[in-house]
Amino acid sequence: MRDMFMHVPCWKLPTLHRALHTRPEGARMEVAGGYAEVLKRAVAKQQDAGSAAMSQG
């Protein structure tokens, strides 16, 4: 989220986070504890997509 809202000071991020979760789009948000977690999720999704494509074709 920090990259999406670079103009928000770090001490206001918890308030922004809570505000975003009150909106309908908040249900679709994925929250990660850091870049390492984001990368792990991205790799896992890519591997899942690759496995699904191989099983179909």
PDB file of N, CA and C in Angstrom:
ATOM      1  N   MET A   1       0.829  -1.180   0.000  1.00  0.00           N
ATOM      2  CA  MET A   1       0.000   0.000   0.000  1.00  0.00           C
ATOM      3  C   MET A   1       0.875   1.246   0.000  1.00  0.00           C
ATOM      4  N   ARG A   2       2.003   1.164   0.566  1.00  0.00           N
ATOM      5  CA  ARG A   2       2.882   2.330   0.620  1.00  0.00           C
ATOM      6  C   ARG A   2       3.207   2.824  -0.789  1.00  0.00           C
ATOM      7  N   ASP A   3       3.368   1.913  -1.732  1.00  0.00           N
ATOM      8  CA  ASP A   3       3.687   2.330  -3.104  1.00  0.00           C
ATOM      9  C   ASP A   3       2.493   2.958  -3.799  1.00  0.00           C
ATOM     10  N   MET A   4       1.300   2.599  -3.403  1.00  0.00           N
ATOM     11  CA  MET A   4       0.114   3.169  -4.021  1.00  0.00           C
ATOM     12  C   MET A   4      -0.138   4.602  -3.547  1.00  0.00           C
ATOM     13  N   PHE A   5       0.264   4.891  -2.328  1.00  0.00           N
ATOM     14  CA  PHE A   5       0.003   6.195  -1.724  1.00  0.00           C
ATOM     15  C   PHE A   5       1.310   6.791  -1.205  1.00  0.00           C
ATOM     16  N   MET A   6       2.189   7.102  -2.111  1.00  0.00           N
ATOM     17  CA  MET A   6       3.520   7.578  -1.718  1.00  0.00           C
ATOM     18  C   MET A   6       3.477   8.924  -1.018  1.00  0.00           C
ATOM     19  N   HIS A   7       2.420   9.697  -1.221  1.00  0.00           N
ATOM     20  CA  HIS A   7       2.323  11.017  -0.615  1.00  0.00           C
ATOM     21  C   HIS A   7       1.825  10.973   0.831  1.00  0.00           C
ATOM     22  N   VAL A   8       1.432   9.799   1.307  1.00  0.00           N
ATOM     23  CA  VAL A   8       0.919   9.663   2.673  1.00  0.00           C
ATOM     24  C   VAL A   8       2.092   9.379   3.614  1.00  0.00           C
ATOM     25  N   PRO A   9       2.238  10.182   4.666  1.00  0.00           N
ATOM     26  CA  PRO A   9       3.313   9.913   5.634  1.00  0.00           C
ATOM     27  C   PRO A   9       3.118   8.554   6.298  1.00  0.00           C
ATOM     28  N   CYS A  10       4.201   7.901   6.634  1.00  0.00           N
ATOM     29  CA  CYS A  10       4.134   6.537   7.168  1.00  0.00           C
ATOM     30  C   CYS A  10       3.293   6.451   8.434  1.00  0.00           C
ATOM     31  N   TRP A  11       3.256   7.499   9.254  1.00  0.00           N
ATOM     32  CA  TRP A  11       2.484   7.448  10.493  1.00  0.00           C
ATOM     33  C   TRP A  11       0.980   7.543  10.240  1.00  0.00           C
ATOM     34  N   LYS A  12       0.581   7.884   9.025  1.00  0.00           N
ATOM     35  CA  LYS A  12      -0.851   7.940   8.705  1.00  0.00           C
ATOM     36  C   LYS A  12      -1.332   6.706   7.938  1.00  0.00           C
ATOM     37  N   LEU A  13      -0.431   5.798   7.646  1.00  0.00           N
ATOM     38  CA  LEU A  13      -0.811   4.603   6.901  1.00  0.00           C
ATOM     39  C   LEU A  13      -1.831   3.732   7.631  1.00  0.00           C
ATOM     40  N   PRO A  14      -1.729   3.544   8.950  1.00  0.00           N
ATOM     41  CA  PRO A  14      -2.771   2.744   9.619  1.00  0.00           C
ATOM     42  C   PRO A  14      -4.169   3.352   9.462  1.00  0.00           C
ATOM     43  N   THR A  15      -4.271   4.679   9.527  1.00  0.00           N
ATOM     44  CA  THR A  15      -5.558   5.338   9.340  1.00  0.00           C
ATOM     45  C   THR A  15      -6.058   5.141   7.918  1.00  0.00           C
ATOM     46  N   LEU A  16      -5.173   5.272   6.946  1.00  0.00           N
ATOM     47  CA  LEU A  16      -5.533   5.055   5.549  1.00  0.00           C
ATOM     48  C   LEU A  16      -5.980   3.610   5.333  1.00  0.00           C
ATOM     49  N   HIS A  17      -5.264   2.698   5.925  1.00  0.00           N
ATOM     50  CA  HIS A  17      -5.588   1.274   5.793  1.00  0.00           C
ATOM     51  C   HIS A  17      -7.011   1.005   6.305  1.00  0.00           C
ATOM     52  N   ARG A  18      -7.326   1.523   7.482  1.00  0.00           N
ATOM     53  CA  ARG A  18      -8.671   1.335   8.039  1.00  0.00           C
ATOM     54  C   ARG A  18      -9.730   1.975   7.142  1.00  0.00           C
ATOM     55  N   ALA A  19      -9.435   3.156   6.627  1.00  0.00           N
ATOM     56  CA  ALA A  19     -10.394   3.853   5.759  1.00  0.00           C
ATOM     57  C   ALA A  19     -10.651   3.064   4.477  1.00  0.00           C
ATOM     58  N   LEU A  20      -9.615   2.499   3.904  1.00  0.00           N
ATOM     59  CA  LEU A  20      -9.780   1.726   2.677  1.00  0.00           C
ATOM     60  C   LEU A  20     -10.600   0.465   2.910  1.00  0.00           C
ATOM     61  N   HIS A  21     -10.439  -0.140   4.070  1.00  0.00           N
ATOM     62  CA  HIS A  21     -11.186  -1.368   4.355  1.00  0.00           C
ATOM     63  C   HIS A  21     -12.658  -1.114   4.625  1.00  0.00           C
ATOM     64  N   THR A  22     -13.047   0.121   4.838  1.00  0.00           N
ATOM     65  CA  THR A  22     -14.466   0.415   5.039  1.00  0.00           C
ATOM     66  C   THR A  22     -15.197   0.564   3.704  1.00  0.00           C
ATOM     67  N   ARG A  23     -14.470   0.677   2.618  1.00  0.00           N
ATOM     68  CA  ARG A  23     -15.065   0.831   1.290  1.00  0.00           C
ATOM     69  C   ARG A  23     -15.327  -0.554   0.682  1.00  0.00           C
ATOM     70  N   PRO A  24     -16.236  -0.643  -0.275  1.00  0.00           N
ATOM     71  CA  PRO A  24     -16.513  -1.954  -0.907  1.00  0.00           C
ATOM     72  C   PRO A  24     -15.264  -2.597  -1.523  1.00  0.00           C
ATOM     73  N   GLU A  25     -14.365  -1.778  -2.036  1.00  0.00           N
ATOM     74  CA  GLU A  25     -13.148  -2.314  -2.651  1.00  0.00           C
ATOM     75  C   GLU A  25     -12.222  -2.946  -1.617  1.00  0.00           C
ATOM     76  N   GLY A  26     -12.417  -2.580  -0.361  1.00  0.00           N
ATOM     77  CA  GLY A  26     -11.555  -3.096   0.700  1.00  0.00           C
ATOM     78  C   GLY A  26     -11.619  -4.603   0.840  1.00  0.00           C
ATOM     79  N   ALA A  27     -12.742  -5.189   0.502  1.00  0.00           N
ATOM     80  CA  ALA A  27     -12.889  -6.643   0.599  1.00  0.00           C
ATOM     81  C   ALA A  27     -11.977  -7.368  -0.394  1.00  0.00           C
ATOM     82  N   ARG A  28     -11.619  -6.696  -1.481  1.00  0.00           N
ATOM     83  CA  ARG A  28     -10.769  -7.318  -2.501  1.00  0.00           C
ATOM     84  C   ARG A  28      -9.283  -7.041  -2.284  1.00  0.00           C
ATOM     85  N   MET A  29      -8.953  -6.223  -1.302  1.00  0.00           N
ATOM     86  CA  MET A  29      -7.553  -5.859  -1.073  1.00  0.00           C
ATOM     87  C   MET A  29      -6.771  -7.023  -0.474  1.00  0.00           C
ATOM     88  N   GLU A  30      -5.545  -7.148  -0.899  1.00  0.00           N
ATOM     89  CA  GLU A  30      -4.631  -8.098  -0.286  1.00  0.00           C
ATOM     90  C   GLU A  30      -3.616  -7.294   0.503  1.00  0.00           C
ATOM     91  N   VAL A  31      -3.365  -7.707   1.723  1.00  0.00           N
ATOM     92  CA  VAL A  31      -2.428  -7.007   2.590  1.00  0.00           C
ATOM     93  C   VAL A  31      -1.274  -7.940   2.897  1.00  0.00           C
ATOM     94  N   ALA A  32      -0.069  -7.435   2.750  1.00  0.00           N
ATOM     95  CA  ALA A  32       1.122  -8.231   3.017  1.00  0.00           C
ATOM     96  C   ALA A  32       1.977  -7.516   4.059  1.00  0.00           C
ATOM     97  N   GLY A  33       2.763  -8.292   4.750  1.00  0.00           N
ATOM     98  CA  GLY A  33       3.616  -7.750   5.797  1.00  0.00           C
ATOM     99  C   GLY A  33       4.910  -7.137   5.290  1.00  0.00           C
ATOM    100  N   GLY A  34       5.183  -7.281   4.020  1.00  0.00           N
ATOM    101  CA  GLY A  34       6.408  -6.724   3.459  1.00  0.00           C
ATOM    102  C   GLY A  34       6.625  -7.221   2.036  1.00  0.00           C
ATOM    103  N   TYR A  35       7.695  -6.735   1.439  1.00  0.00           N
ATOM    104  CA  TYR A  35       7.978  -7.091   0.047  1.00  0.00           C
ATOM    105  C   TYR A  35       8.256  -8.577  -0.134  1.00  0.00           C
ATOM    106  N   ALA A  36       8.898  -9.201   0.833  1.00  0.00           N
ATOM    107  CA  ALA A  36       9.181 -10.635   0.706  1.00  0.00           C
ATOM    108  C   ALA A  36       7.891 -11.433   0.597  1.00  0.00           C
ATOM    109  N   GLU A  37       6.899 -11.062   1.400  1.00  0.00           N
ATOM    110  CA  GLU A  37       5.609 -11.750   1.346  1.00  0.00           C
ATOM    111  C   GLU A  37       4.904 -11.499   0.014  1.00  0.00           C
ATOM    112  N   VAL A  38       4.998 -10.293  -0.496  1.00  0.00           N
ATOM    113  CA  VAL A  38       4.401  -9.960  -1.793  1.00  0.00           C
ATOM    114  C   VAL A  38       5.034 -10.815  -2.886  1.00  0.00           C
ATOM    115  N   LEU A  39       6.347 -10.920  -2.869  1.00  0.00           N
ATOM    116  CA  LEU A  39       7.045 -11.715  -3.881  1.00  0.00           C
ATOM    117  C   LEU A  39       6.666 -13.191  -3.783  1.00  0.00           C
ATOM    118  N   LYS A  40       6.563 -13.715  -2.572  1.00  0.00           N
ATOM    119  CA  LYS A  40       6.165 -15.119  -2.401  1.00  0.00           C
ATOM    120  C   LYS A  40       4.775 -15.364  -2.974  1.00  0.00           C
ATOM    121  N   ARG A  41       3.856 -14.435  -2.696  1.00  0.00           N
ATOM    122  CA  ARG A  41       2.496 -14.583  -3.219  1.00  0.00           C
ATOM    123  C   ARG A  41       2.484 -14.502  -4.744  1.00  0.00           C
ATOM    124  N   ALA A  42       3.243 -13.581  -5.292  1.00  0.00           N
ATOM    125  CA  ALA A  42       3.274 -13.412  -6.750  1.00  0.00           C
ATOM    126  C   ALA A  42       3.822 -14.666  -7.421  1.00  0.00           C
ATOM    127  N   VAL A  43       4.875 -15.225  -6.867  1.00  0.00           N
ATOM    128  CA  VAL A  43       5.467 -16.437  -7.441  1.00  0.00           C
ATOM    129  C   VAL A  43       4.484 -17.597  -7.328  1.00  0.00           C
ATOM    130  N   ALA A  44       3.826 -17.712  -6.186  1.00  0.00           N
ATOM    131  CA  ALA A  44       2.865 -18.802  -5.988  1.00  0.00           C
ATOM    132  C   ALA A  44       1.711 -18.689  -6.980  1.00  0.00           C
ATOM    133  N   LYS A  45       1.205 -17.488  -7.198  1.00  0.00           N
ATOM    134  CA  LYS A  45       0.113 -17.300  -8.152  1.00  0.00           C
ATOM    135  C   LYS A  45       0.558 -17.634  -9.566  1.00  0.00           C
ATOM    136  N   GLN A  46       1.775 -17.245  -9.895  1.00  0.00           N
ATOM    137  CA  GLN A  46       2.293 -17.522 -11.231  1.00  0.00           C
ATOM    138  C   GLN A  46       2.471 -19.030 -11.424  1.00  0.00           C
ATOM    139  N   GLN A  47       2.954 -19.707 -10.395  1.00  0.00           N
ATOM    140  CA  GLN A  47       3.120 -21.158 -10.488  1.00  0.00           C
ATOM    141  C   GLN A  47       1.768 -21.846 -10.599  1.00  0.00           C
ATOM    142  N   ASP A  48       0.772 -21.370  -9.838  1.00  0.00           N
ATOM    143  CA  ASP A  48      -0.570 -21.955  -9.913  1.00  0.00           C
ATOM    144  C   ASP A  48      -1.162 -21.768 -11.307  1.00  0.00           C
ATOM    145  N   ALA A  49      -0.971 -20.583 -11.886  1.00  0.00           N
ATOM    146  CA  ALA A  49      -1.485 -20.317 -13.214  1.00  0.00           C
ATOM    147  C   ALA A  49      -0.790 -21.209 -14.244  1.00  0.00           C
ATOM    148  N   GLY A  50       0.490 -21.410 -14.100  1.00  0.00           N
ATOM    149  CA  GLY A  50       1.239 -22.283 -14.999  1.00  0.00           C
ATOM    150  C   GLY A  50       0.797 -23.719 -14.888  1.00  0.00           C
ATOM    151  N   SER A  51       0.549 -24.175 -13.677  1.00  0.00           N
ATOM    152  CA  SER A  51       0.079 -25.559 -13.472  1.00  0.00           C
ATOM    153  C   SER A  51      -1.299 -25.750 -14.083  1.00  0.00           C
ATOM    154  N   ALA A  52      -2.163 -24.765 -13.918  1.00  0.00           N
ATOM    155  CA  ALA A  52      -3.518 -24.867 -14.483  1.00  0.00           C
ATOM    156  C   ALA A  52      -3.457 -24.905 -16.000  1.00  0.00           C
ATOM    157  N   ALA A  53      -2.590 -24.115 -16.590  1.00  0.00           N
ATOM    158  CA  ALA A  53      -2.468 -24.077 -18.048  1.00  0.00           C
ATOM    159  C   ALA A  53      -1.930 -25.403 -18.566  1.00  0.00           C
ATOM    160  N   MET A  54      -1.001 -26.005 -17.849  1.00  0.00           N
ATOM    161  CA  MET A  54      -0.419 -27.277 -18.297  1.00  0.00           C
ATOM    162  C   MET A  54      -1.447 -28.408 -18.200  1.00  0.00           C
ATOM    163  N   SER A  55      -2.315 -28.365 -17.175  1.00  0.00           N
ATOM    164  CA  SER A  55      -3.280 -29.434 -17.035  1.00  0.00           C
ATOM    165  C   SER A  55      -4.408 -29.335 -18.067  1.00  0.00           C
ATOM    166  N   GLN A  56      -4.630 -28.128 -18.590  1.00  0.00           N
ATOM    167  CA  GLN A  56      -5.661 -27.951 -19.607  1.00  0.00           C
ATOM    168  C   GLN A  56      -5.146 -28.287 -21.008  1.00  0.00           C
ATOM    169  N   GLY A  57      -3.887 -28.100 -21.206  1.00  0.00           N
ATOM    170  CA  GLY A  57      -3.396 -28.215 -22.561  1.00  0.00           C
ATOM    171  C   GLY A  57      -2.590 -29.396 -22.810  1.00  0.00           C
TER     172      GLY A  57
END
